[in-house]
Amino acid sequence: MPDVLRADGLHQDEWTLSRDEEALPQARPAIVPLALWQASADREGLAPWLPSDTVLDAELMATLGECPLIAIDFPAFTDGRGYTMARLMRERVGFKGDIRAIGDVLIDQLYYLRRCGFDSFALRDDQDVDDALRAFQSFSVHYQTGVDQNEALFERRLRERSA
């Protein structure tokens, strides 16, 4: 089985990624295209991967909220729509499952992807795992809010001064 990166290291991945848009894979658990996942009568052991142009309306977000894992595809590292999708799932739905970044995922993105709610990362093949693990520690202070910090730095400082 291939490995998947998390902030605490490389882990064996139990999920198989299938990009086949016509048929469900025999092996489960599997990550499948969103349309195929939606059309499936039996979603046991299936998780959807969302293309970057997915519109997350309230109905879809509620349905996705029941999944153990959601994969969000980055067709190019310059496509930032996946960041928004992860943050919406965390903040609006309170999604507690695994959100995975797949596709053109580079080391430079990891720190920010994690701040937006991603838990696991399928790095592009040419990326170094040791460099990737160091990337999670790139910054020690967060100025802005994120799913991991709901107060901006100035708000934290004001609160600390008034205490």
N, C-alpha and C. Protein backbone atom coordinates (compact mmCIF):
# COMPACT_ATOMS: atom_id res chain seq x y z
N MET A 1 0.84 -1.19 0.00
CA MET A 1 0.00 0.00 0.00
C MET A 1 0.88 1.25 0.00
N PRO A 2 0.46 2.27 -0.68
CA PRO A 2 1.24 3.51 -0.69
C PRO A 2 1.15 4.22 0.66
N ASP A 3 2.03 5.18 0.83
CA ASP A 3 2.04 5.95 2.07
C ASP A 3 1.32 7.27 1.88
N VAL A 4 0.84 7.79 2.99
CA VAL A 4 0.21 9.11 3.01
C VAL A 4 0.89 9.91 4.11
N LEU A 5 1.09 11.19 3.85
CA LEU A 5 1.76 12.06 4.80
C LEU A 5 0.77 12.71 5.74
N ARG A 6 1.13 12.75 7.01
CA ARG A 6 0.41 13.51 8.03
C ARG A 6 1.47 14.36 8.73
N ALA A 7 1.04 15.31 9.53
CA ALA A 7 1.99 16.20 10.20
C ALA A 7 2.95 15.44 11.11
N ASP A 8 2.54 14.28 11.61
CA ASP A 8 3.41 13.51 12.52
C ASP A 8 4.22 12.45 11.80
N GLY A 9 4.16 12.39 10.49
CA GLY A 9 4.99 11.45 9.76
C GLY A 9 4.27 10.76 8.61
N LEU A 10 4.96 9.79 8.06
CA LEU A 10 4.44 9.02 6.94
C LEU A 10 3.70 7.81 7.48
N HIS A 11 2.52 7.55 6.96
CA HIS A 11 1.69 6.45 7.42
C HIS A 11 1.28 5.57 6.25
N GLN A 12 1.09 4.30 6.54
CA GLN A 12 0.59 3.40 5.51
C GLN A 12 -0.87 3.78 5.24
N ASP A 13 -1.21 3.91 3.99
CA ASP A 13 -2.54 4.35 3.59
C ASP A 13 -3.44 3.15 3.31
N GLU A 14 -4.54 3.08 4.02
CA GLU A 14 -5.48 1.98 3.78
C GLU A 14 -6.40 2.28 2.60
N TRP A 15 -6.49 3.55 2.19
CA TRP A 15 -7.39 3.96 1.10
C TRP A 15 -6.67 3.87 -0.24
N THR A 16 -7.39 3.36 -1.24
CA THR A 16 -6.90 3.30 -2.61
C THR A 16 -7.59 4.41 -3.40
N LEU A 17 -6.80 5.19 -4.11
CA LEU A 17 -7.36 6.28 -4.92
C LEU A 17 -7.68 5.75 -6.31
N SER A 18 -8.94 5.89 -6.72
CA SER A 18 -9.36 5.49 -8.06
C SER A 18 -9.84 6.72 -8.81
N ARG A 19 -9.24 6.98 -9.95
CA ARG A 19 -9.68 8.11 -10.76
C ARG A 19 -10.59 7.66 -11.91
N ASP A 20 -10.95 6.39 -11.91
CA ASP A 20 -11.87 5.85 -12.91
C ASP A 20 -13.26 6.43 -12.67
N GLU A 21 -13.78 7.15 -13.65
CA GLU A 21 -15.07 7.82 -13.49
C GLU A 21 -16.24 6.96 -13.95
N GLU A 22 -15.95 5.74 -14.40
CA GLU A 22 -17.00 4.88 -14.94
C GLU A 22 -17.43 3.76 -13.99
N ALA A 23 -16.49 3.20 -13.27
CA ALA A 23 -16.82 2.02 -12.46
C ALA A 23 -16.18 2.10 -11.08
N LEU A 24 -16.87 1.56 -10.10
CA LEU A 24 -16.34 1.49 -8.74
C LEU A 24 -15.24 0.43 -8.68
N PRO A 25 -14.21 0.68 -7.92
CA PRO A 25 -13.16 -0.34 -7.79
C PRO A 25 -13.65 -1.52 -6.94
N GLN A 26 -13.06 -2.66 -7.16
CA GLN A 26 -13.41 -3.85 -6.38
C GLN A 26 -12.86 -3.74 -4.96
N ALA A 27 -11.65 -3.23 -4.84
CA ALA A 27 -10.99 -3.13 -3.53
C ALA A 27 -11.54 -1.92 -2.76
N ARG A 28 -11.82 -2.16 -1.50
CA ARG A 28 -12.25 -1.08 -0.62
C ARG A 28 -11.45 -1.17 0.66
N PRO A 29 -11.22 -0.08 1.33
CA PRO A 29 -11.77 1.24 1.12
C PRO A 29 -11.12 1.94 -0.07
N ALA A 30 -11.92 2.75 -0.75
CA ALA A 30 -11.45 3.43 -1.95
C ALA A 30 -11.97 4.86 -2.01
N ILE A 31 -11.14 5.72 -2.55
CA ILE A 31 -11.51 7.10 -2.82
C ILE A 31 -11.89 7.15 -4.29
N VAL A 32 -13.11 7.62 -4.57
CA VAL A 32 -13.64 7.61 -5.94
C VAL A 32 -14.12 9.01 -6.33
N PRO A 33 -14.26 9.27 -7.62
CA PRO A 33 -14.78 10.57 -8.05
C PRO A 33 -16.14 10.88 -7.42
N LEU A 34 -16.39 12.13 -7.13
CA LEU A 34 -17.61 12.56 -6.46
C LEU A 34 -18.86 12.06 -7.15
N ALA A 35 -18.95 12.19 -8.46
CA ALA A 35 -20.15 11.77 -9.20
C ALA A 35 -20.41 10.28 -9.03
N LEU A 36 -19.37 9.49 -9.05
CA LEU A 36 -19.51 8.04 -8.87
C LEU A 36 -19.94 7.73 -7.44
N TRP A 37 -19.38 8.43 -6.48
CA TRP A 37 -19.75 8.25 -5.07
C TRP A 37 -21.22 8.61 -4.86
N GLN A 38 -21.66 9.73 -5.45
CA GLN A 38 -23.06 10.16 -5.31
C GLN A 38 -24.02 9.15 -5.93
N ALA A 39 -23.62 8.53 -7.04
CA ALA A 39 -24.50 7.59 -7.74
C ALA A 39 -24.51 6.20 -7.09
N SER A 40 -23.58 5.95 -6.21
CA SER A 40 -23.48 4.62 -5.61
C SER A 40 -24.57 4.38 -4.57
N ALA A 41 -25.21 3.23 -4.65
CA ALA A 41 -26.23 2.86 -3.67
C ALA A 41 -25.57 2.37 -2.38
N ASP A 42 -24.40 1.77 -2.52
CA ASP A 42 -23.66 1.26 -1.36
C ASP A 42 -22.37 2.06 -1.21
N ARG A 43 -22.35 2.99 -0.27
CA ARG A 43 -21.18 3.83 -0.06
C ARG A 43 -20.24 3.30 1.01
N GLU A 44 -20.54 2.13 1.53
CA GLU A 44 -19.69 1.53 2.56
C GLU A 44 -18.27 1.35 2.01
N GLY A 45 -17.29 1.89 2.71
CA GLY A 45 -15.90 1.77 2.28
C GLY A 45 -15.52 2.67 1.13
N LEU A 46 -16.39 3.65 0.83
CA LEU A 46 -16.09 4.61 -0.24
C LEU A 46 -15.98 6.02 0.33
N ALA A 47 -15.10 6.78 -0.25
CA ALA A 47 -14.96 8.20 0.09
C ALA A 47 -14.87 8.97 -1.22
N PRO A 48 -15.42 10.18 -1.27
CA PRO A 48 -15.38 10.95 -2.52
C PRO A 48 -14.12 11.79 -2.64
N TRP A 49 -13.67 11.98 -3.89
CA TRP A 49 -12.70 13.02 -4.14
C TRP A 49 -13.39 14.11 -4.94
N LEU A 50 -13.18 15.32 -4.51
CA LEU A 50 -13.85 16.47 -5.09
C LEU A 50 -12.91 17.18 -6.05
N PRO A 51 -13.35 17.40 -7.29
CA PRO A 51 -12.55 18.23 -8.19
C PRO A 51 -12.55 19.66 -7.68
N SER A 52 -11.59 20.44 -8.12
CA SER A 52 -11.42 21.79 -7.59
C SER A 52 -12.58 22.72 -7.95
N ASP A 53 -13.40 22.37 -8.93
CA ASP A 53 -14.52 23.23 -9.31
C ASP A 53 -15.83 22.80 -8.66
N THR A 54 -15.78 21.95 -7.65
CA THR A 54 -16.99 21.50 -6.95
C THR A 54 -17.65 22.67 -6.22
N VAL A 55 -18.95 22.81 -6.40
CA VAL A 55 -19.71 23.83 -5.67
C VAL A 55 -20.26 23.17 -4.41
N LEU A 56 -19.81 23.64 -3.28
CA LEU A 56 -20.24 23.07 -2.00
C LEU A 56 -21.49 23.79 -1.52
N ASP A 57 -22.65 23.31 -1.98
CA ASP A 57 -23.90 23.88 -1.46
C ASP A 57 -24.23 23.18 -0.15
N ALA A 58 -25.24 23.69 0.54
CA ALA A 58 -25.59 23.17 1.87
C ALA A 58 -25.93 21.69 1.84
N GLU A 59 -26.66 21.26 0.81
CA GLU A 59 -27.06 19.85 0.72
C GLU A 59 -25.85 18.94 0.56
N LEU A 60 -24.93 19.31 -0.34
CA LEU A 60 -23.74 18.49 -0.56
C LEU A 60 -22.87 18.47 0.69
N MET A 61 -22.69 19.63 1.32
CA MET A 61 -21.87 19.66 2.53
C MET A 61 -22.46 18.77 3.62
N ALA A 62 -23.77 18.77 3.76
CA ALA A 62 -24.41 17.93 4.78
C ALA A 62 -24.19 16.45 4.46
N THR A 63 -24.30 16.08 3.19
CA THR A 63 -24.08 14.69 2.78
C THR A 63 -22.63 14.29 3.00
N LEU A 64 -21.71 15.17 2.65
CA LEU A 64 -20.29 14.88 2.83
C LEU A 64 -19.91 14.80 4.30
N GLY A 65 -20.67 15.47 5.14
CA GLY A 65 -20.38 15.48 6.57
C GLY A 65 -20.40 14.11 7.21
N GLU A 66 -21.01 13.16 6.55
CA GLU A 66 -21.10 11.79 7.07
C GLU A 66 -19.93 10.90 6.65
N CYS A 67 -19.07 11.40 5.79
CA CYS A 67 -17.96 10.59 5.25
C CYS A 67 -16.81 10.49 6.25
N PRO A 68 -16.10 9.38 6.23
CA PRO A 68 -14.91 9.28 7.08
C PRO A 68 -13.72 10.04 6.50
N LEU A 69 -13.75 10.24 5.18
CA LEU A 69 -12.65 10.90 4.48
C LEU A 69 -13.20 11.63 3.26
N ILE A 70 -12.65 12.79 3.00
CA ILE A 70 -12.93 13.53 1.76
C ILE A 70 -11.58 13.89 1.17
N ALA A 71 -11.39 13.59 -0.11
CA ALA A 71 -10.17 13.98 -0.80
C ALA A 71 -10.50 15.17 -1.69
N ILE A 72 -9.65 16.17 -1.66
CA ILE A 72 -9.85 17.36 -2.50
C ILE A 72 -8.68 17.42 -3.48
N ASP A 73 -9.02 17.48 -4.75
CA ASP A 73 -8.03 17.42 -5.82
C ASP A 73 -7.47 18.80 -6.15
N PHE A 74 -6.16 18.86 -6.26
CA PHE A 74 -5.47 20.06 -6.73
C PHE A 74 -4.91 19.74 -8.11
N PRO A 75 -5.60 20.16 -9.18
CA PRO A 75 -5.12 19.84 -10.53
C PRO A 75 -3.82 20.56 -10.86
N ALA A 76 -3.58 21.69 -10.21
CA ALA A 76 -2.33 22.44 -10.35
C ALA A 76 -2.06 23.11 -9.01
N PHE A 77 -0.79 23.25 -8.65
CA PHE A 77 -0.49 23.84 -7.35
C PHE A 77 -0.97 25.29 -7.25
N THR A 78 -1.24 25.92 -8.38
CA THR A 78 -1.71 27.30 -8.38
C THR A 78 -3.22 27.42 -8.16
N ASP A 79 -3.92 26.31 -8.11
CA ASP A 79 -5.37 26.31 -7.93
C ASP A 79 -5.68 26.28 -6.44
N GLY A 80 -6.15 27.39 -5.89
CA GLY A 80 -6.37 27.50 -4.46
C GLY A 80 -7.78 27.20 -3.98
N ARG A 81 -8.66 26.77 -4.88
CA ARG A 81 -10.05 26.53 -4.47
C ARG A 81 -10.20 25.43 -3.43
N GLY A 82 -9.29 24.49 -3.41
CA GLY A 82 -9.35 23.40 -2.44
C GLY A 82 -9.18 23.88 -1.00
N TYR A 83 -8.39 24.93 -0.82
CA TYR A 83 -8.22 25.51 0.52
C TYR A 83 -9.58 25.95 1.07
N THR A 84 -10.34 26.62 0.22
CA THR A 84 -11.65 27.12 0.63
C THR A 84 -12.60 25.97 0.93
N MET A 85 -12.58 24.93 0.11
CA MET A 85 -13.48 23.80 0.35
C MET A 85 -13.20 23.15 1.70
N ALA A 86 -11.93 22.97 2.03
CA ALA A 86 -11.59 22.35 3.32
C ALA A 86 -12.04 23.24 4.47
N ARG A 87 -11.80 24.51 4.36
CA ARG A 87 -12.18 25.42 5.45
C ARG A 87 -13.70 25.47 5.61
N LEU A 88 -14.44 25.48 4.51
CA LEU A 88 -15.90 25.47 4.59
C LEU A 88 -16.40 24.19 5.27
N MET A 89 -15.82 23.06 4.93
CA MET A 89 -16.25 21.80 5.55
C MET A 89 -15.96 21.80 7.05
N ARG A 90 -14.86 22.34 7.45
CA ARG A 90 -14.52 22.38 8.89
C ARG A 90 -15.38 23.39 9.64
N GLU A 91 -15.54 24.58 9.08
CA GLU A 91 -16.20 25.65 9.82
C GLU A 91 -17.72 25.65 9.70
N ARG A 92 -18.25 25.32 8.55
CA ARG A 92 -19.71 25.37 8.37
C ARG A 92 -20.42 24.08 8.74
N VAL A 93 -19.76 22.96 8.52
CA VAL A 93 -20.38 21.67 8.79
C VAL A 93 -19.82 21.04 10.06
N GLY A 94 -18.65 21.50 10.48
CA GLY A 94 -18.00 20.89 11.62
C GLY A 94 -17.45 19.52 11.29
N PHE A 95 -17.03 19.33 10.04
CA PHE A 95 -16.53 18.04 9.58
C PHE A 95 -15.37 17.58 10.45
N LYS A 96 -15.47 16.36 10.97
CA LYS A 96 -14.46 15.81 11.88
C LYS A 96 -13.60 14.74 11.22
N GLY A 97 -13.97 14.29 10.03
CA GLY A 97 -13.22 13.24 9.35
C GLY A 97 -11.92 13.76 8.76
N ASP A 98 -11.27 12.90 8.02
CA ASP A 98 -10.00 13.21 7.37
C ASP A 98 -10.26 13.97 6.08
N ILE A 99 -9.59 15.10 5.91
CA ILE A 99 -9.61 15.81 4.63
C ILE A 99 -8.21 15.66 4.04
N ARG A 100 -8.17 15.08 2.84
CA ARG A 100 -6.89 14.78 2.20
C ARG A 100 -6.68 15.61 0.95
N ALA A 101 -5.48 16.14 0.80
CA ALA A 101 -5.08 16.86 -0.41
C ALA A 101 -4.46 15.85 -1.37
N ILE A 102 -4.98 15.81 -2.60
CA ILE A 102 -4.45 14.92 -3.63
C ILE A 102 -4.15 15.74 -4.89
N GLY A 103 -3.38 15.18 -5.78
CA GLY A 103 -3.09 15.87 -7.03
C GLY A 103 -1.72 16.52 -7.00
N ASP A 104 -1.66 17.76 -7.43
CA ASP A 104 -0.40 18.50 -7.53
C ASP A 104 -0.08 19.15 -6.18
N VAL A 105 0.23 18.32 -5.19
CA VAL A 105 0.46 18.78 -3.82
C VAL A 105 1.97 18.88 -3.59
N LEU A 106 2.41 20.11 -3.29
CA LEU A 106 3.83 20.39 -3.09
C LEU A 106 4.13 20.72 -1.64
N ILE A 107 5.38 20.57 -1.29
CA ILE A 107 5.84 20.86 0.07
C ILE A 107 5.48 22.29 0.48
N ASP A 108 5.62 23.23 -0.43
CA ASP A 108 5.35 24.65 -0.13
C ASP A 108 3.93 24.90 0.36
N GLN A 109 3.00 24.02 0.03
CA GLN A 109 1.60 24.20 0.39
C GLN A 109 1.23 23.61 1.74
N LEU A 110 2.01 22.69 2.26
CA LEU A 110 1.59 21.87 3.40
C LEU A 110 1.19 22.67 4.63
N TYR A 111 2.00 23.62 5.01
CA TYR A 111 1.71 24.41 6.21
C TYR A 111 0.34 25.09 6.08
N TYR A 112 0.08 25.67 4.94
CA TYR A 112 -1.17 26.41 4.72
C TYR A 112 -2.37 25.47 4.55
N LEU A 113 -2.13 24.34 3.89
CA LEU A 113 -3.20 23.36 3.76
C LEU A 113 -3.65 22.88 5.14
N ARG A 114 -2.70 22.64 6.00
CA ARG A 114 -3.04 22.18 7.36
C ARG A 114 -3.82 23.25 8.12
N ARG A 115 -3.46 24.51 7.96
CA ARG A 115 -4.17 25.61 8.64
C ARG A 115 -5.61 25.73 8.14
N CYS A 116 -5.87 25.27 6.92
CA CYS A 116 -7.22 25.32 6.35
C CYS A 116 -8.04 24.08 6.65
N GLY A 117 -7.44 23.09 7.31
CA GLY A 117 -8.22 21.93 7.73
C GLY A 117 -7.83 20.60 7.14
N PHE A 118 -6.80 20.54 6.32
CA PHE A 118 -6.36 19.26 5.76
C PHE A 118 -5.61 18.46 6.83
N ASP A 119 -5.83 17.14 6.82
CA ASP A 119 -5.19 16.24 7.77
C ASP A 119 -4.12 15.37 7.13
N SER A 120 -4.34 15.00 5.88
CA SER A 120 -3.43 14.08 5.20
C SER A 120 -3.15 14.60 3.79
N PHE A 121 -2.01 14.14 3.27
CA PHE A 121 -1.50 14.73 2.03
C PHE A 121 -0.87 13.64 1.16
N ALA A 122 -1.33 13.54 -0.06
CA ALA A 122 -0.72 12.65 -1.04
C ALA A 122 0.20 13.53 -1.89
N LEU A 123 1.45 13.57 -1.50
CA LEU A 123 2.42 14.44 -2.18
C LEU A 123 2.66 14.01 -3.62
N ARG A 124 2.98 14.99 -4.43
CA ARG A 124 3.42 14.69 -5.79
C ARG A 124 4.69 13.84 -5.69
N ASP A 125 4.89 12.93 -6.61
CA ASP A 125 5.97 11.94 -6.53
C ASP A 125 7.37 12.54 -6.39
N ASP A 126 7.60 13.73 -6.91
CA ASP A 126 8.95 14.30 -6.86
C ASP A 126 9.26 15.07 -5.57
N GLN A 127 8.36 15.03 -4.60
CA GLN A 127 8.54 15.76 -3.34
C GLN A 127 9.23 14.89 -2.29
N ASP A 128 10.14 15.49 -1.53
CA ASP A 128 10.90 14.77 -0.51
C ASP A 128 10.13 14.75 0.81
N VAL A 129 9.96 13.58 1.38
CA VAL A 129 9.18 13.42 2.61
C VAL A 129 9.82 14.14 3.79
N ASP A 130 11.14 14.06 3.94
CA ASP A 130 11.80 14.73 5.06
C ASP A 130 11.62 16.24 4.98
N ASP A 131 11.75 16.79 3.79
CA ASP A 131 11.51 18.23 3.60
C ASP A 131 10.05 18.57 3.91
N ALA A 132 9.17 17.68 3.53
CA ALA A 132 7.74 17.90 3.77
C ALA A 132 7.45 17.95 5.26
N LEU A 133 8.01 17.05 6.02
CA LEU A 133 7.78 17.04 7.47
C LEU A 133 8.31 18.31 8.13
N ARG A 134 9.44 18.82 7.65
CA ARG A 134 9.97 20.08 8.19
C ARG A 134 9.07 21.27 7.81
N ALA A 135 8.38 21.17 6.69
CA ALA A 135 7.52 22.27 6.24
C ALA A 135 6.38 22.56 7.21
N PHE A 136 5.94 21.54 7.95
CA PHE A 136 4.86 21.76 8.91
C PHE A 136 5.30 22.69 10.05
N GLN A 137 6.59 22.81 10.24
CA GLN A 137 7.12 23.66 11.32
C GLN A 137 7.66 24.99 10.79
N SER A 138 7.26 25.38 9.61
CA SER A 138 7.81 26.58 8.97
C SER A 138 7.64 27.85 9.80
N PHE A 139 6.51 27.97 10.46
CA PHE A 139 6.22 29.19 11.21
C PHE A 139 5.77 28.82 12.62
N SER A 140 6.17 29.64 13.59
CA SER A 140 5.80 29.35 14.97
C SER A 140 4.65 30.23 15.46
N VAL A 141 4.33 31.30 14.74
CA VAL A 141 3.27 32.21 15.14
C VAL A 141 2.31 32.39 13.97
N HIS A 142 1.01 32.35 14.27
CA HIS A 142 -0.01 32.58 13.26
C HIS A 142 -0.57 33.98 13.45
N TYR A 143 -0.49 34.81 12.42
CA TYR A 143 -1.05 36.16 12.51
C TYR A 143 -2.56 36.14 12.32
N GLN A 144 -3.02 35.36 11.35
CA GLN A 144 -4.43 35.32 11.02
C GLN A 144 -5.10 34.08 11.61
N THR A 145 -6.42 34.07 11.55
CA THR A 145 -7.15 32.92 12.04
C THR A 145 -7.03 31.76 11.06
N GLY A 146 -7.36 30.58 11.54
CA GLY A 146 -7.39 29.37 10.73
C GLY A 146 -8.27 28.38 11.46
N VAL A 147 -8.43 27.21 10.90
CA VAL A 147 -9.25 26.22 11.60
C VAL A 147 -8.56 25.75 12.87
N ASP A 148 -7.25 25.96 12.95
CA ASP A 148 -6.48 25.55 14.12
C ASP A 148 -6.30 26.68 15.14
N GLN A 149 -6.69 27.89 14.81
CA GLN A 149 -6.52 29.05 15.70
C GLN A 149 -7.62 30.06 15.36
N ASN A 150 -8.59 30.23 16.25
CA ASN A 150 -9.73 31.08 15.92
C ASN A 150 -9.56 32.54 16.32
N GLU A 151 -8.41 32.89 16.86
CA GLU A 151 -8.13 34.29 17.19
C GLU A 151 -6.93 34.77 16.39
N ALA A 152 -7.02 35.98 15.86
CA ALA A 152 -5.87 36.58 15.20
C ALA A 152 -4.84 36.98 16.26
N LEU A 153 -3.62 37.19 15.85
CA LEU A 153 -2.55 37.52 16.80
C LEU A 153 -2.88 38.77 17.61
N PHE A 154 -3.41 39.80 16.96
CA PHE A 154 -3.71 41.02 17.71
C PHE A 154 -4.79 40.77 18.76
N GLU A 155 -5.74 39.88 18.48
CA GLU A 155 -6.79 39.55 19.46
C GLU A 155 -6.20 38.79 20.65
N ARG A 156 -5.29 37.89 20.38
CA ARG A 156 -4.64 37.15 21.48
C ARG A 156 -3.83 38.10 22.36
N ARG A 157 -3.12 39.02 21.72
CA ARG A 157 -2.32 39.97 22.50
C ARG A 157 -3.20 40.89 23.34
N LEU A 158 -4.31 41.35 22.79
CA LEU A 158 -5.24 42.20 23.56
C LEU A 158 -5.81 41.43 24.75
N ARG A 159 -6.20 40.19 24.52
CA ARG A 159 -6.74 39.38 25.60
C ARG A 159 -5.71 39.15 26.70
N GLU A 160 -4.46 38.90 26.30
CA GLU A 160 -3.41 38.66 27.28
C GLU A 160 -3.09 39.91 28.09
N ARG A 161 -3.14 41.06 27.43
CA ARG A 161 -2.87 42.33 28.15
C ARG A 161 -3.97 42.66 29.15
N SER A 162 -5.20 42.33 28.78
CA SER A 162 -6.31 42.68 29.68
C SER A 162 -6.47 41.68 30.81
N ALA A 163 -5.81 40.55 30.73
CA ALA A 163 -5.93 39.52 31.79
C ALA A 163 -5.10 39.81 33.01
